[in-house]
Amino acid sequence: MRTSDRKLNPSFKNQLVKTFAQTLMDLKNPEEINTFLQDFFNDSELETFAKRLAIAYWLKKKRSYSNIRENLKVSSATIAVIEKLMERPGFILALKKMEAEEWANVWAQKIRKFVK
């Protein structure tokens, strides 16, 4: 049996996930987060996670499957999977955070123009 086929004790797995989440929460700024992500995940893993988030964001913005497929170099099947996952609380939360950041950036630009 390969090591990757063996399942962790559910309680221990839960503790590992909580520790991982706490580590993410303890990162203090974008530079620390970027350093962690670049060192912790290989390029392919990081790209996969980033694409998942981008697909969800663009679907929420009503981009077409063909546009997403072409720009992100993903299959229609991948887009369909992410579209279903968008109903889950984690995706909903992430998209709300992204929209809040987008809104804040738009208003920051408007304020900067007004102040100048």
PDB file of N, CA and C in Angstrom:
ATOM      1  N   MET A   1       0.847  -1.177   0.000  1.00  0.00           N
ATOM      2  CA  MET A   1       0.000   0.000   0.000  1.00  0.00           C
ATOM      3  C   MET A   1       0.893   1.241   0.000  1.00  0.00           C
ATOM      4  N   ARG A   2       0.584   2.163  -0.899  1.00  0.00           N
ATOM      5  CA  ARG A   2       1.334   3.411  -0.948  1.00  0.00           C
ATOM      6  C   ARG A   2       0.970   4.281   0.253  1.00  0.00           C
ATOM      7  N   THR A   3       1.914   5.100   0.674  1.00  0.00           N
ATOM      8  CA  THR A   3       1.672   5.988   1.806  1.00  0.00           C
ATOM      9  C   THR A   3       0.470   6.894   1.546  1.00  0.00           C
ATOM     10  N   SER A   4       0.313   7.387   0.315  1.00  0.00           N
ATOM     11  CA  SER A   4      -0.782   8.307   0.004  1.00  0.00           C
ATOM     12  C   SER A   4      -2.141   7.630   0.054  1.00  0.00           C
ATOM     13  N   ASP A   5      -2.197   6.285   0.018  1.00  0.00           N
ATOM     14  CA  ASP A   5      -3.462   5.552   0.082  1.00  0.00           C
ATOM     15  C   ASP A   5      -3.941   5.329   1.514  1.00  0.00           C
ATOM     16  N   ARG A   6      -3.081   5.523   2.472  1.00  0.00           N
ATOM     17  CA  ARG A   6      -3.452   5.276   3.865  1.00  0.00           C
ATOM     18  C   ARG A   6      -4.166   6.507   4.426  1.00  0.00           C
ATOM     19  N   LYS A   7      -5.272   6.281   5.109  1.00  0.00           N
ATOM     20  CA  LYS A   7      -6.079   7.374   5.648  1.00  0.00           C
ATOM     21  C   LYS A   7      -5.651   7.709   7.072  1.00  0.00           C
ATOM     22  N   LEU A   8      -5.659   8.998   7.363  1.00  0.00           N
ATOM     23  CA  LEU A   8      -5.367   9.461   8.719  1.00  0.00           C
ATOM     24  C   LEU A   8      -6.568   9.222   9.624  1.00  0.00           C
ATOM     25  N   ASN A   9      -6.295   9.122  10.896  1.00  0.00           N
ATOM     26  CA  ASN A   9      -7.350   9.111  11.895  1.00  0.00           C
ATOM     27  C   ASN A   9      -8.119  10.432  11.740  1.00  0.00           C
ATOM     28  N   PRO A  10      -9.457  10.398  11.638  1.00  0.00           N
ATOM     29  CA  PRO A  10     -10.245  11.628  11.413  1.00  0.00           C
ATOM     30  C   PRO A  10      -9.985  12.727  12.449  1.00  0.00           C
ATOM     31  N   SER A  11      -9.811  12.360  13.704  1.00  0.00           N
ATOM     32  CA  SER A  11      -9.544  13.346  14.748  1.00  0.00           C
ATOM     33  C   SER A  11      -8.186  14.010  14.530  1.00  0.00           C
ATOM     34  N   PHE A  12      -7.190  13.197  14.187  1.00  0.00           N
ATOM     35  CA  PHE A  12      -5.854  13.731  13.923  1.00  0.00           C
ATOM     36  C   PHE A  12      -5.865  14.605  12.673  1.00  0.00           C
ATOM     37  N   LYS A  13      -6.583  14.173  11.641  1.00  0.00           N
ATOM     38  CA  LYS A  13      -6.700  14.964  10.414  1.00  0.00           C
ATOM     39  C   LYS A  13      -7.315  16.329  10.726  1.00  0.00           C
ATOM     40  N   ASN A  14      -8.363  16.343  11.540  1.00  0.00           N
ATOM     41  CA  ASN A  14      -9.018  17.585  11.932  1.00  0.00           C
ATOM     42  C   ASN A  14      -8.033  18.522  12.635  1.00  0.00           C
ATOM     43  N   GLN A  15      -7.220  17.978  13.512  1.00  0.00           N
ATOM     44  CA  GLN A  15      -6.224  18.783  14.222  1.00  0.00           C
ATOM     45  C   GLN A  15      -5.171  19.345  13.259  1.00  0.00           C
ATOM     46  N   LEU A  16      -4.744  18.531  12.299  1.00  0.00           N
ATOM     47  CA  LEU A  16      -3.780  19.004  11.300  1.00  0.00           C
ATOM     48  C   LEU A  16      -4.348  20.172  10.487  1.00  0.00           C
ATOM     49  N   VAL A  17      -5.608  20.038  10.091  1.00  0.00           N
ATOM     50  CA  VAL A  17      -6.251  21.097   9.303  1.00  0.00           C
ATOM     51  C   VAL A  17      -6.389  22.376  10.133  1.00  0.00           C
ATOM     52  N   LYS A  18      -6.759  22.230  11.402  1.00  0.00           N
ATOM     53  CA  LYS A  18      -6.862  23.404  12.286  1.00  0.00           C
ATOM     54  C   LYS A  18      -5.499  24.083  12.456  1.00  0.00           C
ATOM     55  N   THR A  19      -4.463  23.299  12.592  1.00  0.00           N
ATOM     56  CA  THR A  19      -3.109  23.857  12.729  1.00  0.00           C
ATOM     57  C   THR A  19      -2.703  24.592  11.454  1.00  0.00           C
ATOM     58  N   PHE A  20      -3.018  24.010  10.308  1.00  0.00           N
ATOM     59  CA  PHE A  20      -2.722  24.659   9.031  1.00  0.00           C
ATOM     60  C   PHE A  20      -3.470  25.986   8.926  1.00  0.00           C
ATOM     61  N   ALA A  21      -4.764  25.981   9.281  1.00  0.00           N
ATOM     62  CA  ALA A  21      -5.572  27.206   9.242  1.00  0.00           C
ATOM     63  C   ALA A  21      -5.006  28.261  10.188  1.00  0.00           C
ATOM     64  N   GLN A  22      -4.588  27.859  11.376  1.00  0.00           N
ATOM     65  CA  GLN A  22      -4.011  28.802  12.333  1.00  0.00           C
ATOM     66  C   GLN A  22      -2.719  29.400  11.793  1.00  0.00           C
ATOM     67  N   THR A  23      -1.934  28.589  11.125  1.00  0.00           N
ATOM     68  CA  THR A  23      -0.695  29.091  10.517  1.00  0.00           C
ATOM     69  C   THR A  23      -1.019  30.171   9.489  1.00  0.00           C
ATOM     70  N   LEU A  24      -2.038  29.933   8.670  1.00  0.00           N
ATOM     71  CA  LEU A  24      -2.434  30.935   7.678  1.00  0.00           C
ATOM     72  C   LEU A  24      -2.901  32.224   8.358  1.00  0.00           C
ATOM     73  N   MET A  25      -3.667  32.074   9.430  1.00  0.00           N
ATOM     74  CA  MET A  25      -4.162  33.255  10.147  1.00  0.00           C
ATOM     75  C   MET A  25      -3.025  34.061  10.773  1.00  0.00           C
ATOM     76  N   ASP A  26      -1.955  33.403  11.141  1.00  0.00           N
ATOM     77  CA  ASP A  26      -0.833  34.075  11.801  1.00  0.00           C
ATOM     78  C   ASP A  26       0.065  34.840  10.832  1.00  0.00           C
ATOM     79  N   LEU A  27      -0.087  34.604   9.535  1.00  0.00           N
ATOM     80  CA  LEU A  27       0.701  35.361   8.561  1.00  0.00           C
ATOM     81  C   LEU A  27       0.194  36.792   8.562  1.00  0.00           C
ATOM     82  N   LYS A  28       1.111  37.749   8.646  1.00  0.00           N
ATOM     83  CA  LYS A  28       0.736  39.117   8.984  1.00  0.00           C
ATOM     84  C   LYS A  28       0.476  40.060   7.807  1.00  0.00           C
ATOM     85  N   ASN A  29       1.030  39.766   6.645  1.00  0.00           N
ATOM     86  CA  ASN A  29       0.881  40.693   5.534  1.00  0.00           C
ATOM     87  C   ASN A  29       1.011  39.942   4.212  1.00  0.00           C
ATOM     88  N   PRO A  30       0.691  40.607   3.107  1.00  0.00           N
ATOM     89  CA  PRO A  30       0.755  39.931   1.801  1.00  0.00           C
ATOM     90  C   PRO A  30       2.126  39.346   1.471  1.00  0.00           C
ATOM     91  N   GLU A  31       3.188  39.997   1.911  1.00  0.00           N
ATOM     92  CA  GLU A  31       4.524  39.487   1.617  1.00  0.00           C
ATOM     93  C   GLU A  31       4.770  38.154   2.334  1.00  0.00           C
ATOM     94  N   GLU A  32       4.379  38.074   3.608  1.00  0.00           N
ATOM     95  CA  GLU A  32       4.534  36.815   4.347  1.00  0.00           C
ATOM     96  C   GLU A  32       3.687  35.718   3.719  1.00  0.00           C
ATOM     97  N   ILE A  33       2.481  36.068   3.334  1.00  0.00           N
ATOM     98  CA  ILE A  33       1.582  35.078   2.734  1.00  0.00           C
ATOM     99  C   ILE A  33       2.162  34.580   1.416  1.00  0.00           C
ATOM    100  N   ASN A  34       2.632  35.495   0.592  1.00  0.00           N
ATOM    101  CA  ASN A  34       3.216  35.110  -0.693  1.00  0.00           C
ATOM    102  C   ASN A  34       4.446  34.222  -0.497  1.00  0.00           C
ATOM    103  N   THR A  35       5.298  34.585   0.440  1.00  0.00           N
ATOM    104  CA  THR A  35       6.484  33.770   0.727  1.00  0.00           C
ATOM    105  C   THR A  35       6.068  32.367   1.137  1.00  0.00           C
ATOM    106  N   PHE A  36       5.101  32.282   2.039  1.00  0.00           N
ATOM    107  CA  PHE A  36       4.610  30.975   2.480  1.00  0.00           C
ATOM    108  C   PHE A  36       4.076  30.169   1.300  1.00  0.00           C
ATOM    109  N   LEU A  37       3.190  30.767   0.516  1.00  0.00           N
ATOM    110  CA  LEU A  37       2.576  30.049  -0.601  1.00  0.00           C
ATOM    111  C   LEU A  37       3.614  29.557  -1.604  1.00  0.00           C
ATOM    112  N   GLN A  38       4.578  30.421  -1.934  1.00  0.00           N
ATOM    113  CA  GLN A  38       5.610  30.051  -2.904  1.00  0.00           C
ATOM    114  C   GLN A  38       6.491  28.911  -2.405  1.00  0.00           C
ATOM    115  N   ASP A  39       6.762  28.906  -1.116  1.00  0.00           N
ATOM    116  CA  ASP A  39       7.636  27.873  -0.556  1.00  0.00           C
ATOM    117  C   ASP A  39       6.896  26.593  -0.179  1.00  0.00           C
ATOM    118  N   PHE A  40       5.641  26.715   0.188  1.00  0.00           N
ATOM    119  CA  PHE A  40       4.886  25.571   0.693  1.00  0.00           C
ATOM    120  C   PHE A  40       4.295  24.728  -0.426  1.00  0.00           C
ATOM    121  N   PHE A  41       3.776  25.388  -1.473  1.00  0.00           N
ATOM    122  CA  PHE A  41       3.168  24.693  -2.596  1.00  0.00           C
ATOM    123  C   PHE A  41       4.097  24.705  -3.795  1.00  0.00           C
ATOM    124  N   ASN A  42       4.076  23.634  -4.581  1.00  0.00           N
ATOM    125  CA  ASN A  42       4.840  23.684  -5.821  1.00  0.00           C
ATOM    126  C   ASN A  42       4.052  24.532  -6.819  1.00  0.00           C
ATOM    127  N   ASP A  43       4.678  24.877  -7.931  1.00  0.00           N
ATOM    128  CA  ASP A  43       4.046  25.779  -8.902  1.00  0.00           C
ATOM    129  C   ASP A  43       2.700  25.255  -9.393  1.00  0.00           C
ATOM    130  N   SER A  44       2.635  23.969  -9.645  1.00  0.00           N
ATOM    131  CA  SER A  44       1.407  23.364 -10.157  1.00  0.00           C
ATOM    132  C   SER A  44       0.278  23.432  -9.128  1.00  0.00           C
ATOM    133  N   GLU A  45       0.572  23.125  -7.877  1.00  0.00           N
ATOM    134  CA  GLU A  45      -0.441  23.184  -6.812  1.00  0.00           C
ATOM    135  C   GLU A  45      -0.952  24.602  -6.634  1.00  0.00           C
ATOM    136  N   LEU A  46      -0.046  25.554  -6.590  1.00  0.00           N
ATOM    137  CA  LEU A  46      -0.436  26.949  -6.393  1.00  0.00           C
ATOM    138  C   LEU A  46      -1.284  27.442  -7.565  1.00  0.00           C
ATOM    139  N   GLU A  47      -0.887  27.079  -8.776  1.00  0.00           N
ATOM    140  CA  GLU A  47      -1.651  27.471  -9.955  1.00  0.00           C
ATOM    141  C   GLU A  47      -3.053  26.861  -9.928  1.00  0.00           C
ATOM    142  N   THR A  48      -3.162  25.613  -9.509  1.00  0.00           N
ATOM    143  CA  THR A  48      -4.457  24.944  -9.433  1.00  0.00           C
ATOM    144  C   THR A  48      -5.392  25.670  -8.487  1.00  0.00           C
ATOM    145  N   PHE A  49      -4.900  26.007  -7.290  1.00  0.00           N
ATOM    146  CA  PHE A  49      -5.739  26.708  -6.316  1.00  0.00           C
ATOM    147  C   PHE A  49      -6.105  28.102  -6.809  1.00  0.00           C
ATOM    148  N   ALA A  50      -5.151  28.798  -7.398  1.00  0.00           N
ATOM    149  CA  ALA A  50      -5.420  30.145  -7.908  1.00  0.00           C
ATOM    150  C   ALA A  50      -6.455  30.101  -9.037  1.00  0.00           C
ATOM    151  N   LYS A  51      -6.343  29.101  -9.910  1.00  0.00           N
ATOM    152  CA  LYS A  51      -7.307  28.970 -11.008  1.00  0.00           C
ATOM    153  C   LYS A  51      -8.709  28.689 -10.477  1.00  0.00           C
ATOM    154  N   ARG A  52      -8.813  27.856  -9.447  1.00  0.00           N
ATOM    155  CA  ARG A  52     -10.133  27.566  -8.873  1.00  0.00           C
ATOM    156  C   ARG A  52     -10.810  28.848  -8.411  1.00  0.00           C
ATOM    157  N   LEU A  53     -10.056  29.669  -7.735  1.00  0.00           N
ATOM    158  CA  LEU A  53     -10.605  30.929  -7.240  1.00  0.00           C
ATOM    159  C   LEU A  53     -10.954  31.864  -8.396  1.00  0.00           C
ATOM    160  N   ALA A  54     -10.090  31.928  -9.397  1.00  0.00           N
ATOM    161  CA  ALA A  54     -10.348  32.784 -10.558  1.00  0.00           C
ATOM    162  C   ALA A  54     -11.587  32.322 -11.316  1.00  0.00           C
ATOM    163  N   ILE A  55     -11.739  31.010 -11.482  1.00  0.00           N
ATOM    164  CA  ILE A  55     -12.927  30.487 -12.168  1.00  0.00           C
ATOM    165  C   ILE A  55     -14.190  30.916 -11.420  1.00  0.00           C
ATOM    166  N   ALA A  56     -14.201  30.735 -10.114  1.00  0.00           N
ATOM    167  CA  ALA A  56     -15.371  31.115  -9.314  1.00  0.00           C
ATOM    168  C   ALA A  56     -15.651  32.606  -9.442  1.00  0.00           C
ATOM    169  N   TYR A  57     -14.611  33.413  -9.350  1.00  0.00           N
ATOM    170  CA  TYR A  57     -14.766  34.868  -9.440  1.00  0.00           C
ATOM    171  C   TYR A  57     -15.345  35.260 -10.798  1.00  0.00           C
ATOM    172  N   TRP A  58     -14.793  34.708 -11.865  1.00  0.00           N
ATOM    173  CA  TRP A  58     -15.265  35.064 -13.203  1.00  0.00           C
ATOM    174  C   TRP A  58     -16.669  34.539 -13.474  1.00  0.00           C
ATOM    175  N   LEU A  59     -16.999  33.356 -12.946  1.00  0.00           N
ATOM    176  CA  LEU A  59     -18.380  32.888 -13.086  1.00  0.00           C
ATOM    177  C   LEU A  59     -19.341  33.835 -12.381  1.00  0.00           C
ATOM    178  N   LYS A  60     -18.950  34.293 -11.206  1.00  0.00           N
ATOM    179  CA  LYS A  60     -19.781  35.238 -10.448  1.00  0.00           C
ATOM    180  C   LYS A  60     -19.949  36.542 -11.237  1.00  0.00           C
ATOM    181  N   LYS A  61     -18.931  36.906 -12.005  1.00  0.00           N
ATOM    182  CA  LYS A  61     -18.981  38.124 -12.830  1.00  0.00           C
ATOM    183  C   LYS A  61     -19.652  37.868 -14.189  1.00  0.00           C
ATOM    184  N   LYS A  62     -20.213  36.658 -14.342  1.00  0.00           N
ATOM    185  CA  LYS A  62     -20.979  36.279 -15.539  1.00  0.00           C
ATOM    186  C   LYS A  62     -20.128  36.117 -16.800  1.00  0.00           C
ATOM    187  N   ARG A  63     -18.860  35.787 -16.639  1.00  0.00           N
ATOM    188  CA  ARG A  63     -18.051  35.476 -17.818  1.00  0.00           C
ATOM    189  C   ARG A  63     -18.485  34.126 -18.373  1.00  0.00           C
ATOM    190  N   SER A  64     -18.348  33.975 -19.668  1.00  0.00           N
ATOM    191  CA  SER A  64     -18.765  32.736 -20.322  1.00  0.00           C
ATOM    192  C   SER A  64     -17.741  31.620 -20.086  1.00  0.00           C
ATOM    193  N   TYR A  65     -18.222  30.391 -20.227  1.00  0.00           N
ATOM    194  CA  TYR A  65     -17.322  29.240 -20.126  1.00  0.00           C
ATOM    195  C   TYR A  65     -16.187  29.374 -21.132  1.00  0.00           C
ATOM    196  N   SER A  66     -16.515  29.769 -22.364  1.00  0.00           N
ATOM    197  CA  SER A  66     -15.477  29.849 -23.400  1.00  0.00           C
ATOM    198  C   SER A  66     -14.422  30.893 -23.042  1.00  0.00           C
ATOM    199  N   ASN A  67     -14.845  32.012 -22.479  1.00  0.00           N
ATOM    200  CA  ASN A  67     -13.889  33.042 -22.061  1.00  0.00           C
ATOM    201  C   ASN A  67     -12.987  32.517 -20.953  1.00  0.00           C
ATOM    202  N   ILE A  68     -13.568  31.872 -19.965  1.00  0.00           N
ATOM    203  CA  ILE A  68     -12.790  31.327 -18.846  1.00  0.00           C
ATOM    204  C   ILE A  68     -11.853  30.232 -19.347  1.00  0.00           C
ATOM    205  N   ARG A  69     -12.398  29.343 -20.183  1.00  0.00           N
ATOM    206  CA  ARG A  69     -11.598  28.236 -20.730  1.00  0.00           C
ATOM    207  C   ARG A  69     -10.376  28.766 -21.469  1.00  0.00           C
ATOM    208  N   GLU A  70     -10.566  29.763 -22.293  1.00  0.00           N
ATOM    209  CA  GLU A  70      -9.477  30.318 -23.101  1.00  0.00           C
ATOM    210  C   GLU A  70      -8.446  31.057 -22.239  1.00  0.00           C
ATOM    211  N   ASN A  71      -8.914  31.884 -21.323  1.00  0.00           N
ATOM    212  CA  ASN A  71      -8.000  32.696 -20.516  1.00  0.00           C
ATOM    213  C   ASN A  71      -7.244  31.895 -19.463  1.00  0.00           C
ATOM    214  N   LEU A  72      -7.909  30.937 -18.846  1.00  0.00           N
ATOM    215  CA  LEU A  72      -7.278  30.183 -17.751  1.00  0.00           C
ATOM    216  C   LEU A  72      -6.745  28.825 -18.187  1.00  0.00           C
ATOM    217  N   LYS A  73      -7.003  28.469 -19.445  1.00  0.00           N
ATOM    218  CA  LYS A  73      -6.511  27.185 -19.978  1.00  0.00           C
ATOM    219  C   LYS A  73      -7.014  26.016 -19.131  1.00  0.00           C
ATOM    220  N   VAL A  74      -8.336  25.985 -18.911  1.00  0.00           N
ATOM    221  CA  VAL A  74      -8.986  24.916 -18.160  1.00  0.00           C
ATOM    222  C   VAL A  74     -10.093  24.320 -19.026  1.00  0.00           C
ATOM    223  N   SER A  75     -10.557  23.148 -18.635  1.00  0.00           N
ATOM    224  CA  SER A  75     -11.619  22.485 -19.392  1.00  0.00           C
ATOM    225  C   SER A  75     -12.992  22.957 -18.923  1.00  0.00           C
ATOM    226  N   SER A  76     -13.979  22.705 -19.758  1.00  0.00           N
ATOM    227  CA  SER A  76     -15.363  23.003 -19.379  1.00  0.00           C
ATOM    228  C   SER A  76     -15.767  22.169 -18.168  1.00  0.00           C
ATOM    229  N   ALA A  77     -15.251  20.954 -18.078  1.00  0.00           N
ATOM    230  CA  ALA A  77     -15.561  20.087 -16.936  1.00  0.00           C
ATOM    231  C   ALA A  77     -15.050  20.703 -15.634  1.00  0.00           C
ATOM    232  N   THR A  78     -13.856  21.261 -15.680  1.00  0.00           N
ATOM    233  CA  THR A  78     -13.295  21.914 -14.492  1.00  0.00           C
ATOM    234  C   THR A  78     -14.157  23.102 -14.090  1.00  0.00           C
ATOM    235  N   ILE A  79     -14.578  23.881 -15.057  1.00  0.00           N
ATOM    236  CA  ILE A  79     -15.423  25.043 -14.775  1.00  0.00           C
ATOM    237  C   ILE A  79     -16.738  24.591 -14.152  1.00  0.00           C
ATOM    238  N   ALA A  80     -17.326  23.517 -14.676  1.00  0.00           N
ATOM    239  CA  ALA A  80     -18.589  23.002 -14.150  1.00  0.00           C
ATOM    240  C   ALA A  80     -18.435  22.536 -12.701  1.00  0.00           C
ATOM    241  N   VAL A  81     -17.308  21.891 -12.397  1.00  0.00           N
ATOM    242  CA  VAL A  81     -17.058  21.442 -11.019  1.00  0.00           C
ATOM    243  C   VAL A  81     -16.987  22.639 -10.088  1.00  0.00           C
ATOM    244  N   ILE A  82     -16.255  23.664 -10.491  1.00  0.00           N
ATOM    245  CA  ILE A  82     -16.106  24.864  -9.654  1.00  0.00           C
ATOM    246  C   ILE A  82     -17.459  25.564  -9.510  1.00  0.00           C
ATOM    247  N   GLU A  83     -18.250  25.576 -10.560  1.00  0.00           N
ATOM    248  CA  GLU A  83     -19.568  26.211 -10.491  1.00  0.00           C
ATOM    249  C   GLU A  83     -20.417  25.549  -9.403  1.00  0.00           C
ATOM    250  N   LYS A  84     -20.334  24.237  -9.279  1.00  0.00           N
ATOM    251  CA  LYS A  84     -21.067  23.536  -8.212  1.00  0.00           C
ATOM    252  C   LYS A  84     -20.471  23.845  -6.843  1.00  0.00           C
ATOM    253  N   LEU A  85     -19.146  23.922  -6.769  1.00  0.00           N
ATOM    254  CA  LEU A  85     -18.485  24.205  -5.497  1.00  0.00           C
ATOM    255  C   LEU A  85     -18.777  25.619  -4.994  1.00  0.00           C
ATOM    256  N   MET A  86     -19.149  26.513  -5.889  1.00  0.00           N
ATOM    257  CA  MET A  86     -19.425  27.900  -5.515  1.00  0.00           C
ATOM    258  C   MET A  86     -20.587  28.018  -4.535  1.00  0.00           C
ATOM    259  N   GLU A  87     -21.380  26.976  -4.402  1.00  0.00           N
ATOM    260  CA  GLU A  87     -22.505  26.979  -3.467  1.00  0.00           C
ATOM    261  C   GLU A  87     -22.061  26.649  -2.046  1.00  0.00           C
ATOM    262  N   ARG A  88     -20.820  26.226  -1.892  1.00  0.00           N
ATOM    263  CA  ARG A  88     -20.324  25.833  -0.574  1.00  0.00           C
ATOM    264  C   ARG A  88     -19.879  27.076   0.212  1.00  0.00           C
ATOM    265  N   PRO A  89     -20.000  27.020   1.523  1.00  0.00           N
ATOM    266  CA  PRO A  89     -19.716  28.197   2.364  1.00  0.00           C
ATOM    267  C   PRO A  89     -18.321  28.793   2.167  1.00  0.00           C
ATOM    268  N   GLY A  90     -17.318  27.960   1.968  1.00  0.00           N
ATOM    269  CA  GLY A  90     -15.955  28.478   1.797  1.00  0.00           C
ATOM    270  C   GLY A  90     -15.805  29.317   0.541  1.00  0.00           C
ATOM    271  N   PHE A  91     -16.405  28.853  -0.545  1.00  0.00           N
ATOM    272  CA  PHE A  91     -16.349  29.622  -1.790  1.00  0.00           C
ATOM    273  C   PHE A  91     -17.144  30.913  -1.647  1.00  0.00           C
ATOM    274  N   ILE A  92     -18.325  30.821  -1.035  1.00  0.00           N
ATOM    275  CA  ILE A  92     -19.156  32.017  -0.833  1.00  0.00           C
ATOM    276  C   ILE A  92     -18.384  33.064  -0.037  1.00  0.00           C
ATOM    277  N   LEU A  93     -17.732  32.625   1.022  1.00  0.00           N
ATOM    278  CA  LEU A  93     -16.951  33.532   1.866  1.00  0.00           C
ATOM    279  C   LEU A  93     -15.796  34.164   1.090  1.00  0.00           C
ATOM    280  N   ALA A  94     -15.059  33.346   0.350  1.00  0.00           N
ATOM    281  CA  ALA A  94     -13.926  33.862  -0.424  1.00  0.00           C
ATOM    282  C   ALA A  94     -14.385  34.889  -1.456  1.00  0.00           C
ATOM    283  N   LEU A  95     -15.479  34.595  -2.135  1.00  0.00           N
ATOM    284  CA  LEU A  95     -15.984  35.531  -3.147  1.00  0.00           C
ATOM    285  C   LEU A  95     -16.467  36.830  -2.517  1.00  0.00           C
ATOM    286  N   LYS A  96     -17.091  36.752  -1.354  1.00  0.00           N
ATOM    287  CA  LYS A  96     -17.506  37.975  -0.645  1.00  0.00           C
ATOM    288  C   LYS A  96     -16.290  38.816  -0.283  1.00  0.00           C
ATOM    289  N   LYS A  97     -15.228  38.164   0.182  1.00  0.00           N
ATOM    290  CA  LYS A  97     -13.999  38.885   0.536  1.00  0.00           C
ATOM    291  C   LYS A  97     -13.407  39.558  -0.694  1.00  0.00           C
ATOM    292  N   MET A  98     -13.397  38.837  -1.813  1.00  0.00           N
ATOM    293  CA  MET A  98     -12.858  39.406  -3.048  1.00  0.00           C
ATOM    294  C   MET A  98     -13.687  40.603  -3.514  1.00  0.00           C
ATOM    295  N   GLU A  99     -15.001  40.487  -3.435  1.00  0.00           N
ATOM    296  CA  GLU A  99     -15.872  41.590  -3.839  1.00  0.00           C
ATOM    297  C   GLU A  99     -15.707  42.794  -2.926  1.00  0.00           C
ATOM    298  N   ALA A 100     -15.527  42.557  -1.638  1.00  0.00           N
ATOM    299  CA  ALA A 100     -15.308  43.658  -0.696  1.00  0.00           C
ATOM    300  C   ALA A 100     -13.998  44.367  -1.013  1.00  0.00           C
ATOM    301  N   GLU A 101     -12.972  43.603  -1.321  1.00  0.00           N
ATOM    302  CA  GLU A 101     -11.670  44.189  -1.676  1.00  0.00           C
ATOM    303  C   GLU A 101     -11.785  44.992  -2.967  1.00  0.00           C
ATOM    304  N   GLU A 102     -12.502  44.445  -3.937  1.00  0.00           N
ATOM    305  CA  GLU A 102     -12.716  45.139  -5.205  1.00  0.00           C
ATOM    306  C   GLU A 102     -13.465  46.450  -4.970  1.00  0.00           C
ATOM    307  N   TRP A 103     -14.514  46.409  -4.165  1.00  0.00           N
ATOM    308  CA  TRP A 103     -15.291  47.606  -3.847  1.00  0.00           C
ATOM    309  C   TRP A 103     -14.407  48.649  -3.159  1.00  0.00           C
ATOM    310  N   ALA A 104     -13.599  48.197  -2.205  1.00  0.00           N
ATOM    311  CA  ALA A 104     -12.716  49.118  -1.480  1.00  0.00           C
ATOM    312  C   ALA A 104     -11.709  49.766  -2.429  1.00  0.00           C
ATOM    313  N   ASN A 105     -11.181  48.994  -3.352  1.00  0.00           N
ATOM    314  CA  ASN A 105     -10.216  49.548  -4.308  1.00  0.00           C
ATOM    315  C   ASN A 105     -10.855  50.578  -5.225  1.00  0.00           C
ATOM    316  N   VAL A 106     -12.070  50.311  -5.668  1.00  0.00           N
ATOM    317  CA  VAL A 106     -12.778  51.269  -6.529  1.00  0.00           C
ATOM    318  C   VAL A 106     -12.982  52.584  -5.784  1.00  0.00           C
ATOM    319  N   TRP A 107     -13.436  52.509  -4.543  1.00  0.00           N
ATOM    320  CA  TRP A 107     -13.674  53.726  -3.775  1.00  0.00           C
ATOM    321  C   TRP A 107     -12.381  54.426  -3.395  1.00  0.00           C
ATOM    322  N   ALA A 108     -11.335  53.691  -3.158  1.00  0.00           N
ATOM    323  CA  ALA A 108     -10.035  54.316  -2.860  1.00  0.00           C
ATOM    324  C   ALA A 108      -9.553  55.129  -4.060  1.00  0.00           C
ATOM    325  N   GLN A 109      -9.736  54.586  -5.264  1.00  0.00           N
ATOM    326  CA  GLN A 109      -9.348  55.321  -6.477  1.00  0.00           C
ATOM    327  C   GLN A 109     -10.186  56.584  -6.639  1.00  0.00           C
ATOM    328  N   LYS A 110     -11.474  56.486  -6.376  1.00  0.00           N
ATOM    329  CA  LYS A 110     -12.356  57.664  -6.482  1.00  0.00           C
ATOM    330  C   LYS A 110     -11.956  58.724  -5.477  1.00  0.00           C
ATOM    331  N   ILE A 111     -11.638  58.324  -4.280  1.00  0.00           N
ATOM    332  CA  ILE A 111     -11.236  59.270  -3.237  1.00  0.00           C
ATOM    333  C   ILE A 111      -9.913  59.938  -3.610  1.00  0.00           C
ATOM    334  N   ARG A 112      -8.969  59.138  -4.127  1.00  0.00           N
ATOM    335  CA  ARG A 112      -7.671  59.717  -4.536  1.00  0.00           C
ATOM    336  C   ARG A 112      -7.875  60.773  -5.617  1.00  0.00           C
ATOM    337  N   LYS A 113      -8.765  60.526  -6.582  1.00  0.00           N
ATOM    338  CA  LYS A 113      -9.037  61.506  -7.628  1.00  0.00           C
ATOM    339  C   LYS A 113      -9.649  62.769  -7.049  1.00  0.00           C
ATOM    340  N   PHE A 114     -10.528  62.612  -6.085  1.00  0.00           N
ATOM    341  CA  PHE A 114     -11.199  63.743  -5.462  1.00  0.00           C
ATOM    342  C   PHE A 114     -10.214  64.568  -4.657  1.00  0.00           C
ATOM    343  N   VAL A 115      -9.293  63.910  -3.939  1.00  0.00           N
ATOM    344  CA  VAL A 115      -8.349  64.607  -3.068  1.00  0.00           C
ATOM    345  C   VAL A 115      -7.309  65.374  -3.885  1.00  0.00           C
ATOM    346  N   LYS A 116      -6.971  64.873  -5.058  1.00  0.00           N
ATOM    347  CA  LYS A 116      -5.953  65.543  -5.896  1.00  0.00           C
ATOM    348  C   LYS A 116      -6.480  66.813  -6.376  1.00  0.00           C
TER     349      LYS A 116
END
